[in-house]
């Protein structure tokens, strides 16, 4: 669980790095962190889902939700970028934090049926 929280923290940091005056090294660092977080956290999320939901219903829905977010996220970003690039990045960081706050109770809860 702590590794997932750390990954979330790195995800927020990677988005906030992009709000700084960018040069090639900061941009590379931000993109590296973002890709690391996605690649690192996704298998852990799915493992936690599998552990918390032995029926497998939530795990299959998570994949569909991920695909939907892959389509909706860029659309929301396109709408927000009209208000300024940093506005879109701050919104992304806020959505990241909100997602973790929503997921935290599930992550902290024990396996279904064992508590």
Protein backbone atom coordinates (compact mmCIF):
# COMPACT_ATOMS: atom_id res chain seq x y z
CA UNK A 1 0.00 0.00 0.00
CA UNK A 2 2.80 2.40 0.84
CA UNK A 3 4.38 1.80 -2.54
CA UNK A 4 1.13 2.88 -4.19
CA UNK A 5 0.96 6.01 -2.08
CA UNK A 6 4.56 6.79 -2.95
CA UNK A 7 3.78 6.28 -6.63
CA UNK A 8 0.86 8.69 -6.31
CA UNK A 9 3.10 11.26 -4.68
CA UNK A 10 5.59 10.90 -7.54
CA UNK A 11 2.75 11.29 -10.03
CA UNK A 12 1.68 14.59 -8.50
CA UNK A 13 5.28 15.76 -8.38
CA UNK A 14 5.77 14.88 -12.06
CA UNK A 15 2.76 16.98 -13.06
CA UNK A 16 3.87 19.89 -10.89
CA UNK A 17 7.37 19.80 -12.40
CA UNK A 18 5.74 20.63 -15.72
CA UNK A 19 4.39 23.88 -14.25
CA UNK A 20 7.94 25.14 -13.71
CA UNK A 21 9.93 26.92 -16.36
CA UNK A 22 10.73 24.00 -18.60
CA UNK A 23 14.00 23.06 -20.10
CA UNK A 24 14.88 19.71 -21.65
CA UNK A 25 16.10 18.15 -18.39
CA UNK A 26 12.99 19.08 -16.35
CA UNK A 27 10.67 17.91 -19.11
CA UNK A 28 12.58 14.63 -19.38
CA UNK A 29 12.45 14.15 -15.61
CA UNK A 30 8.70 14.85 -15.49
CA UNK A 31 7.91 12.48 -18.35
CA UNK A 32 10.17 9.79 -16.89
CA UNK A 33 8.44 10.06 -13.49
CA UNK A 34 4.99 10.00 -15.08
CA UNK A 35 5.75 6.89 -17.13
CA UNK A 36 7.45 5.21 -14.18
CA UNK A 37 4.41 5.82 -11.99
CA UNK A 38 2.00 4.40 -14.55
CA UNK A 39 4.14 1.34 -15.20
CA UNK A 40 4.91 0.80 -11.52
CA UNK A 41 1.49 1.43 -9.99
CA UNK A 42 -0.87 -0.28 -12.46
CA UNK A 43 0.14 -3.88 -11.60
CA UNK A 44 -0.09 -3.10 -7.88
CA UNK A 45 -3.55 -1.60 -8.28
CA UNK A 46 -4.75 -4.65 -10.13
CA UNK A 47 -3.20 -6.91 -7.48
CA UNK A 48 -4.94 -4.97 -4.70
CA UNK A 49 -8.22 -5.17 -6.63
CA UNK A 50 -7.82 -8.91 -7.06
CA UNK A 51 -7.07 -9.30 -3.36
CA UNK A 52 -9.95 -7.11 -2.19
CA UNK A 53 -12.52 -8.53 -4.64
CA UNK A 54 -12.24 -12.31 -5.00
CA UNK A 55 -15.27 -12.39 -7.34
CA UNK A 56 -13.30 -10.47 -9.99
CA UNK A 57 -16.14 -8.10 -10.88
CA UNK A 58 -14.27 -4.94 -9.92
CA UNK A 59 -11.07 -6.00 -11.67
CA UNK A 60 -12.80 -6.36 -15.01
CA UNK A 61 -14.54 -3.03 -14.54
CA UNK A 62 -11.21 -1.36 -13.72
CA UNK A 63 -9.91 -2.11 -17.20
CA UNK A 64 -13.01 -0.60 -18.80
CA UNK A 65 -12.73 2.44 -16.53
CA UNK A 66 -9.07 2.84 -17.50
CA UNK A 67 -9.95 2.78 -21.20
CA UNK A 68 -12.70 5.34 -20.64
CA UNK A 69 -10.37 7.62 -18.71
CA UNK A 70 -7.84 7.37 -21.54
CA UNK A 71 -10.44 8.93 -23.80
CA UNK A 72 -12.08 11.39 -21.42
CA UNK A 73 -8.85 12.68 -19.83
CA UNK A 74 -7.41 14.25 -22.98
CA UNK A 75 -10.79 15.77 -23.80
CA UNK A 76 -10.96 17.46 -20.39
CA UNK A 77 -7.34 18.60 -20.78
CA UNK A 78 -8.16 20.10 -24.18
CA UNK A 79 -10.99 22.11 -22.62
CA UNK A 80 -8.84 23.29 -19.71
CA UNK A 81 -5.77 24.21 -21.73
CA UNK A 82 -7.76 27.10 -23.21
CA UNK A 83 -7.61 28.69 -19.75
CA UNK A 84 -3.86 28.28 -19.64
CA UNK A 85 -1.41 25.42 -19.64
CA UNK A 86 -0.78 25.64 -15.89
CA UNK A 87 -4.52 25.55 -15.19
CA UNK A 88 -4.70 22.21 -16.95
CA UNK A 89 -1.66 20.91 -15.06
CA UNK A 90 -3.01 22.01 -11.67
CA UNK A 91 -6.31 20.32 -12.50
CA UNK A 92 -4.41 17.15 -13.42
CA UNK A 93 -2.54 17.23 -10.10
CA UNK A 94 -5.82 17.79 -8.25
CA UNK A 95 -7.49 14.88 -10.04
CA UNK A 96 -4.49 12.72 -9.17
CA UNK A 97 -4.85 13.60 -5.48
CA UNK A 98 -8.62 13.13 -5.57
CA UNK A 99 -8.21 9.70 -7.12
CA UNK A 100 -5.87 8.65 -4.35
CA UNK A 101 -8.17 10.02 -1.65
CA UNK A 102 -11.03 8.00 -3.11
CA UNK A 103 -8.89 4.86 -3.41
CA UNK A 104 -7.24 5.15 0.00
CA UNK A 105 -10.12 3.67 2.05
CA UNK A 106 -10.23 0.66 -0.26
CA UNK A 107 -6.47 0.24 -0.10
CA UNK A 108 -6.44 0.44 3.69
CA UNK A 109 -9.32 -2.00 4.12
CA UNK A 110 -8.53 -5.67 4.50
CA UNK A 111 -9.50 -8.43 2.14
CA UNK A 112 -13.23 -8.89 1.67
CA UNK A 113 -14.64 -11.49 4.02
CA UNK A 114 -11.59 -11.63 6.32
CA UNK A 115 -12.25 -8.58 8.50
